[in-house]
Amino acid sequence: MKRRSNDWIVGATVLGGMALVVVVTMWLQQADIGQQRVEVTARFREVGNMAVGNAVVIRGVRAGRVDDIHLADSGWVTTTLLLDPGIQLPPNPVVLTQASTLFGEWQAVITQRDAVPAIREVVLQLQDSAGAPANTLAGAVLPDIAQLTSVAGGIAGNVASVAERVRTAFDDSAARELRTTIRNLSVMSTELTRTVRLQSQNLDMIAAQVRAGVGDLSSGAAALQRSVGRLDSATSAGEIARIVADAQAAAADLRQMSGRLNEMSESLMRAENSLSRAITKADTLLGRVERGEGSLGLLFNDPSLYRNTDSLLVDLRVLLSEFRANPKRFVNLSIF
């Protein structure tokens, strides 16, 4: 009887230990017992050091865990997140993975796209993941402490190098040159002030001329407006029509005059041809006279005939003188 009771105690202890082990294992693996979790899928180009079982955080509160991480097609990494029951995603959500402690533990943070830090690499990763399938969130990896420390070390080295170069560059000669440059800048400022003062006076003169020009333009515009008004009134009174009619009549008269001028031009051309023929004949005749051909040629080219003619004229003058002096000598009239 006593041995049977001991067997029951040993059996109960073994069963209790086994149940405790199962419960602890399920607790450590965060098994879902009687709970309906929400499954969310995200894709990344890389997930850093995130592993299955890492926490999922929304607005700083643990809201689930990472259930699965596997490689997908085209170089993507697909991650499955299990959220606690009743958890609601923020509007326009994205998933950021980051280090949660200094001991290498990571977490997945679900946040709004507008709340993403303005880090160029993170923004590029989210833009690269923008074409994710339906119900798949875009993901990116925030730089961890090691990366930040490495970048800070590089920046510190660059700053030290720049400081060394600045110290080398700004020696005594550089200081003297800097003082000279400052002095030259002072002189240049003085010259610039004087130039600005002179140009200000010129600008005042130009402004006065511009105002005068604007006044002239206003006068011209007023005159043009008056002319347009007169043209409008003339159009309404029928004066434009009369002017057009008079212009048409004048054009007809001009056409008639043009025809007459054409006829006169033709007559002048004919007269010019006749005159040209007459001049040609006269030139031929004068040429024959000059060469001594014909009677006129002999008359003009024979000097003896000229001398005889001159003697004849002299004799005629003498005869006329005697006739005037004594006409009875030459005329004798007798009546019965």
Foldseek 3Di string as FASTA:
>chain_A
DVVVVVVVVVVVVVVVVVVVVVVVVCVVVVPDDPFDWDKAKAKFLDQPLADWFAFEDEPRHTFWTWHDWDADPPNMIMTITTGGPPDDADPQWAWEKAAPDPPRGIYIYIDHPVPDDPDVQQVVRQVVCVPPDPRYHGYDYDDYPVVVVVVVVVVVVVVVVVVVVVVVCPDPVNVVVVVVVVVVVVVVVVVVVVVVVVVVVVVVVVVVVVVVVVVVVVVVVVVVVVVVVVVVVCVVVCVVVVVVVVVVVVVVVVVVVVVVVVVVVVVVVVVVVVVVVVVVVVVVVVVCLCVLHDDNVVCVPPVVNVVVVVVVVVVVVVVVVVCVVDVCVVDPDDDD
